[in-house]
């Protein structure tokens, strides 16, 4: 298989931004992880180089420092979990671990013998202090769906098999943490979106933003995944199923990505044209989605994760 392919530069019809707290959050995330003793110093330094505090600062460009810190810590915990899933040999052991994390969210369960689970407990305790019950129920629901997709990915990896393209496109929307990050955007500055405006257009917009971030990620992470032989990538799936060259598959994913950007912009305009008394909350959330879309890509250029 070809390696070191050239990934096209991505442009959006809106710009991203970054919080003035970025450097502080990057440092505070390191200090929090060190205090929780979840990583040895060398591994913690590796994650420092991934600059997750800067990603959180792009996601919450206008957010309070506390919101950015909680998102940065979540991103660190999820990246550790995601990296663990890449190495799983025992599916049942992994499933049990995910169940323990969900038990923390739902019941406050903690395994005192596992420092990483203890870090999840500490993080969730502080999240609970600044969120309402409705938001937490939504977050837990999205976490359950995300973890189900991680299990799905692990099953294919253990069998050394490749998923069908349609199946991949469905599950890929949940294997990452993007929907959970969007939940954290809604929490930012206590900007909860009332259920009255969470109709079909709203969910369509969120789904579209999620696809944009994921298809972008599949492009920017392609070289790393080619090196490791990871088949869980839209480019790789399209190349195999449609018998294309790698460059042809990249071009097709790039086209799908831009089609989704166009869709996002059209749905956004339709949603904003519906009159309701919650225009400020909706505008703030949409701004957060746009900052996340641009921010994930801008972060991918500076991180060592890919």
Protein backbone atom coordinates (compact mmCIF):
# COMPACT_ATOMS: atom_id res chain seq x y z
CA UNK A 1 0.00 0.00 0.00
CA UNK A 2 1.21 3.53 -0.80
CA UNK A 3 2.42 5.66 2.09
CA UNK A 4 3.06 9.33 2.86
CA UNK A 5 0.28 10.52 0.59
CA UNK A 6 -0.43 14.22 0.23
CA UNK A 7 -3.56 15.25 2.08
CA UNK A 8 -5.44 18.19 0.52
CA UNK A 9 -5.64 21.42 2.47
CA UNK A 10 -9.12 22.04 3.83
CA UNK A 11 -10.95 25.36 3.81
CA UNK A 12 -14.21 26.38 5.45
CA UNK A 13 -16.65 29.25 4.79
CA UNK A 14 -16.05 30.39 8.38
CA UNK A 15 -12.97 30.87 10.54
CA UNK A 16 -11.91 29.35 13.81
CA UNK A 17 -10.48 31.05 16.87
CA UNK A 18 -8.62 30.10 20.03
CA UNK A 19 -9.14 31.10 23.64
CA UNK A 20 -6.75 33.40 25.44
CA UNK A 21 -6.54 30.67 28.11
CA UNK A 22 -4.95 28.09 25.77
CA UNK A 23 -1.48 28.04 27.34
CA UNK A 24 -2.92 27.95 30.87
CA UNK A 25 -5.28 25.10 30.00
CA UNK A 26 -2.52 23.09 28.37
CA UNK A 27 -0.49 23.40 31.57
CA UNK A 28 -3.40 22.77 33.94
CA UNK A 29 -4.33 19.59 32.02
CA UNK A 30 -0.78 18.31 32.49
CA UNK A 31 -0.89 19.15 36.19
CA UNK A 32 -4.28 17.48 36.63
CA UNK A 33 -3.12 14.29 34.87
CA UNK A 34 0.05 14.24 36.99
CA UNK A 35 -1.99 14.69 40.20
CA UNK A 36 -4.24 11.79 39.20
CA UNK A 37 -1.19 9.60 38.51
CA UNK A 38 -2.78 8.15 35.39
CA UNK A 39 0.36 8.28 33.22
CA UNK A 40 4.06 7.87 33.75
CA UNK A 41 6.11 11.05 33.04
CA UNK A 42 7.30 9.92 29.59
CA UNK A 43 3.79 8.98 28.40
CA UNK A 44 2.35 12.17 29.85
CA UNK A 45 4.92 14.14 27.87
CA UNK A 46 3.79 12.32 24.72
CA UNK A 47 0.22 13.40 25.33
CA UNK A 48 1.43 16.94 26.06
CA UNK A 49 2.80 17.01 22.52
CA UNK A 50 -0.67 16.21 21.20
CA UNK A 51 -1.75 19.65 22.51
CA UNK A 52 -5.22 18.64 23.63
CA UNK A 53 -5.47 21.80 25.73
CA UNK A 54 -5.16 23.80 22.52
CA UNK A 55 -7.88 21.72 20.86
CA UNK A 56 -10.21 22.40 23.80
CA UNK A 57 -9.31 26.09 23.55
CA UNK A 58 -10.36 26.10 19.90
CA UNK A 59 -13.59 24.25 20.67
CA UNK A 60 -14.44 26.78 23.41
CA UNK A 61 -12.82 29.84 21.86
CA UNK A 62 -15.26 32.09 23.76
CA UNK A 63 -15.75 29.85 26.78
CA UNK A 64 -14.86 30.20 30.43
CA UNK A 65 -11.57 28.71 31.56
CA UNK A 66 -13.36 26.07 33.65
CA UNK A 67 -15.30 24.84 30.60
CA UNK A 68 -12.11 24.61 28.55
CA UNK A 69 -10.28 22.72 31.30
CA UNK A 70 -13.08 20.15 31.66
CA UNK A 71 -13.15 19.58 27.90
CA UNK A 72 -9.36 19.33 27.74
CA UNK A 73 -9.33 16.73 30.51
CA UNK A 74 -12.12 14.80 28.78
CA UNK A 75 -10.16 14.81 25.51
CA UNK A 76 -7.11 13.45 27.33
CA UNK A 77 -9.12 10.69 29.02
CA UNK A 78 -10.84 9.76 25.76
CA UNK A 79 -7.58 9.72 23.77
CA UNK A 80 -6.07 7.39 26.37
CA UNK A 81 -9.17 5.17 26.04
CA UNK A 82 -9.03 5.32 22.24
CA UNK A 83 -5.34 4.38 22.23
CA UNK A 84 -6.10 1.50 24.61
CA UNK A 85 -8.81 0.27 22.22
CA UNK A 86 -6.20 0.07 19.43
CA UNK A 87 -4.21 -2.44 21.48
CA UNK A 88 -7.05 -4.57 22.89
CA UNK A 89 -6.58 -8.34 22.68
CA UNK A 90 -9.39 -9.37 25.03
CA UNK A 91 -12.79 -8.05 23.91
CA UNK A 92 -14.57 -9.00 27.14
CA UNK A 93 -11.98 -7.22 29.26
CA UNK A 94 -12.40 -4.06 27.18
CA UNK A 95 -16.19 -4.25 27.37
CA UNK A 96 -16.01 -4.53 31.15
CA UNK A 97 -13.77 -1.48 31.31
CA UNK A 98 -16.26 0.59 29.30
CA UNK A 99 -19.07 -0.62 31.57
CA UNK A 100 -17.12 0.63 34.58
CA UNK A 101 -16.78 4.09 33.03
CA UNK A 102 -20.51 4.20 32.28
CA UNK A 103 -21.20 3.12 35.85
CA UNK A 104 -19.26 6.16 37.04
CA UNK A 105 -21.55 8.42 35.00
CA UNK A 106 -24.76 6.68 36.00
CA UNK A 107 -24.12 5.57 39.58
CA UNK A 108 -20.93 7.17 40.83
CA UNK A 109 -19.24 3.75 40.81
CA UNK A 110 -15.47 3.75 41.23
CA UNK A 111 -12.75 1.13 41.22
CA UNK A 112 -10.27 2.48 43.73
CA UNK A 113 -7.52 0.22 42.39
CA UNK A 114 -7.47 1.85 38.95
CA UNK A 115 -6.03 5.37 38.72
CA UNK A 116 -7.52 6.01 35.29
CA UNK A 117 -11.03 5.16 36.48
CA UNK A 118 -10.34 7.39 39.47
CA UNK A 119 -9.57 10.23 37.05
CA UNK A 120 -12.90 9.65 35.31
CA UNK A 121 -14.57 9.85 38.74
CA UNK A 122 -12.84 13.14 39.54
CA UNK A 123 -13.75 14.59 36.14
CA UNK A 124 -17.40 13.51 36.34
CA UNK A 125 -17.75 14.85 39.90
CA UNK A 126 -16.78 18.34 38.69
CA UNK A 127 -18.97 18.07 35.58
CA UNK A 128 -21.96 17.17 37.76
CA UNK A 129 -21.35 20.34 39.77
CA UNK A 130 -21.92 22.58 36.76
CA UNK A 131 -24.61 20.72 34.76
CA UNK A 132 -28.28 19.84 35.08
CA UNK A 133 -29.88 16.38 35.08
CA UNK A 134 -31.23 16.65 31.52
CA UNK A 135 -27.79 17.44 30.14
CA UNK A 136 -26.17 14.59 32.06
CA UNK A 137 -28.75 12.09 30.78
CA UNK A 138 -28.00 13.19 27.20
CA UNK A 139 -24.25 12.89 27.79
CA UNK A 140 -24.62 9.37 29.22
CA UNK A 141 -26.80 8.34 26.26
CA UNK A 142 -24.18 9.62 23.79
CA UNK A 143 -21.38 7.95 25.78
CA UNK A 144 -23.21 4.61 25.62
CA UNK A 145 -23.55 4.91 21.83
CA UNK A 146 -19.91 5.93 21.51
CA UNK A 147 -18.73 2.98 23.58
CA UNK A 148 -20.87 0.55 21.56
CA UNK A 149 -19.07 1.73 18.44
CA UNK A 150 -15.68 1.37 20.10
CA UNK A 151 -16.63 -2.25 20.86
CA UNK A 152 -17.65 -2.68 17.21
CA UNK A 153 -14.28 -1.35 16.07
CA UNK A 154 -12.40 -3.61 18.48
CA UNK A 155 -14.28 -6.69 17.23
CA UNK A 156 -13.17 -6.00 13.65
CA UNK A 157 -9.62 -5.27 14.75
CA UNK A 158 -9.33 -8.50 16.74
CA UNK A 159 -10.69 -10.50 13.78
CA UNK A 160 -8.29 -8.61 11.46
CA UNK A 161 -11.27 -7.86 9.22
CA UNK A 162 -12.51 -4.80 7.35
CA UNK A 163 -15.99 -3.30 7.79
CA UNK A 164 -18.43 -2.77 4.96
CA UNK A 165 -18.43 0.83 3.70
CA UNK A 166 -22.05 1.58 4.67
CA UNK A 167 -21.56 0.03 8.08
CA UNK A 168 -18.38 2.03 8.58
CA UNK A 169 -20.03 5.33 7.65
CA UNK A 170 -22.73 4.72 10.27
CA UNK A 171 -20.46 3.56 13.09
CA UNK A 172 -17.77 6.15 12.38
CA UNK A 173 -20.14 8.86 13.55
CA UNK A 174 -19.85 7.44 17.07
CA UNK A 175 -16.36 5.88 17.39
CA UNK A 176 -14.85 9.28 18.08
CA UNK A 177 -15.85 11.62 20.87
CA UNK A 178 -17.34 14.34 18.66
CA UNK A 179 -20.96 14.05 19.80
CA UNK A 180 -19.74 14.14 23.39
CA UNK A 181 -17.68 17.23 22.64
CA UNK A 182 -20.79 18.84 21.14
CA UNK A 183 -22.55 18.08 24.42
CA UNK A 184 -19.72 19.88 26.21
CA UNK A 185 -20.19 22.84 23.86
CA UNK A 186 -23.83 23.06 24.90
CA UNK A 187 -22.76 23.05 28.56
CA UNK A 188 -20.29 25.86 27.93
CA UNK A 189 -21.35 29.08 29.68
CA UNK A 190 -24.53 27.22 30.79
CA UNK A 191 -25.88 27.69 27.26
CA UNK A 192 -28.42 24.86 27.33
CA UNK A 193 -30.57 24.43 24.23
CA UNK A 194 -34.28 24.10 25.13
CA UNK A 195 -36.05 20.99 23.89
CA UNK A 196 -38.54 23.25 22.06
CA UNK A 197 -36.01 23.89 19.30
CA UNK A 198 -34.38 20.45 19.25
CA UNK A 199 -36.36 19.31 16.25
CA UNK A 200 -35.40 17.62 12.99
CA UNK A 201 -33.43 20.59 11.65
CA UNK A 202 -31.43 20.93 14.87
CA UNK A 203 -30.42 17.25 14.93
CA UNK A 204 -29.68 17.34 11.22
CA UNK A 205 -27.30 20.25 11.81
CA UNK A 206 -25.49 18.47 14.66
CA UNK A 207 -25.20 15.29 12.60
CA UNK A 208 -23.79 17.26 9.68
CA UNK A 209 -21.18 18.96 11.86
CA UNK A 210 -20.22 15.58 13.27
CA UNK A 211 -19.71 14.12 9.81
CA UNK A 212 -17.54 17.06 8.75
CA UNK A 213 -15.23 16.60 11.74
CA UNK A 214 -15.01 12.83 11.23
CA UNK A 215 -14.36 12.94 7.49
CA UNK A 216 -11.71 15.59 8.12
CA UNK A 217 -10.13 13.36 10.74
CA UNK A 218 -10.09 10.41 8.35
CA UNK A 219 -8.18 12.54 5.88
CA UNK A 220 -5.64 14.04 8.27
CA UNK A 221 -5.01 10.75 10.11
CA UNK A 222 -4.67 8.70 6.91
CA UNK A 223 -0.88 8.53 6.80
CA UNK A 224 -0.67 7.32 10.39
CA UNK A 225 -3.33 4.68 9.78
CA UNK A 226 -1.64 3.49 6.59
CA UNK A 227 1.56 3.05 8.58
CA UNK A 228 -0.16 1.04 11.31
CA UNK A 229 -2.39 -0.93 8.93
CA UNK A 230 -5.60 0.42 10.48
CA UNK A 231 -8.51 -0.16 8.08
CA UNK A 232 -10.95 1.99 10.08
CA UNK A 233 -10.73 4.99 7.79
CA UNK A 234 -13.18 6.23 5.18
CA UNK A 235 -10.46 6.59 2.54
CA UNK A 236 -9.33 2.99 3.05
CA UNK A 237 -12.92 1.66 3.04
CA UNK A 238 -13.80 3.50 -0.17
CA UNK A 239 -10.56 2.48 -1.84
CA UNK A 240 -11.21 -1.18 -1.09
CA UNK A 241 -14.95 -1.34 -1.81
CA UNK A 242 -14.86 0.71 -5.02
CA UNK A 243 -11.48 -0.60 -6.23
CA UNK A 244 -9.94 2.87 -6.50
CA UNK A 245 -6.39 4.10 -6.26
CA UNK A 246 -5.48 5.73 -2.96
CA UNK A 247 -5.46 9.18 -4.54
CA UNK A 248 -8.86 8.59 -6.14
CA UNK A 249 -10.26 7.54 -2.75
CA UNK A 250 -8.78 10.64 -1.10
CA UNK A 251 -10.43 12.84 -3.74
CA UNK A 252 -13.76 11.12 -3.19
CA UNK A 253 -13.60 11.65 0.59
CA UNK A 254 -12.60 15.26 0.06
CA UNK A 255 -15.67 15.70 -2.17
CA UNK A 256 -17.95 14.03 0.41
CA UNK A 257 -16.50 16.34 3.05
CA UNK A 258 -17.23 19.50 1.06
CA UNK A 259 -20.72 18.27 0.19
CA UNK A 260 -21.33 17.96 3.91
CA UNK A 261 -19.97 21.46 4.53
CA UNK A 262 -22.48 22.79 1.98
CA UNK A 263 -25.23 20.81 3.68
CA UNK A 264 -24.25 22.20 7.09
CA UNK A 265 -24.44 25.77 5.83
CA UNK A 266 -27.85 25.23 4.20
CA UNK A 267 -29.35 23.54 7.28
CA UNK A 268 -27.92 26.29 9.49
CA UNK A 269 -29.72 28.96 7.47
CA UNK A 270 -33.00 27.04 7.56
CA UNK A 271 -32.72 26.59 11.32
CA UNK A 272 -31.93 30.25 11.95
CA UNK A 273 -34.92 31.31 9.84
CA UNK A 274 -37.36 29.53 12.18
CA UNK A 275 -38.67 32.13 14.68
CA UNK A 276 -38.46 31.25 18.38
CA UNK A 277 -37.52 32.98 21.66
CA UNK A 278 -34.20 31.14 22.03
CA UNK A 279 -32.22 32.77 19.24
CA UNK A 280 -29.29 33.69 21.48
CA UNK A 281 -28.84 30.14 22.78
CA UNK A 282 -29.03 28.72 19.27
CA UNK A 283 -26.60 31.27 17.86
CA UNK A 284 -24.08 30.49 20.60
CA UNK A 285 -24.36 26.75 20.00
CA UNK A 286 -23.98 27.12 16.23
CA UNK A 287 -20.92 29.30 16.79
CA UNK A 288 -19.52 26.50 18.94
CA UNK A 289 -20.14 23.96 16.17
CA UNK A 290 -18.35 26.15 13.63
CA UNK A 291 -15.44 26.76 16.00
CA UNK A 292 -15.19 23.01 16.57
CA UNK A 293 -15.24 22.16 12.87
CA UNK A 294 -12.50 24.67 12.10
CA UNK A 295 -10.72 24.00 15.40
CA UNK A 296 -10.37 20.24 14.92
CA UNK A 297 -8.74 20.82 11.55
CA UNK A 298 -6.47 23.64 12.74
CA UNK A 299 -5.43 21.52 15.72
CA UNK A 300 -4.66 18.56 13.41
CA UNK A 301 -2.00 20.69 11.72
CA UNK A 302 -0.16 21.39 14.99
CA UNK A 303 -0.64 18.18 16.98
CA UNK A 304 1.72 15.21 17.05
CA UNK A 305 -1.19 12.79 17.31
CA UNK A 306 -1.27 12.30 13.53
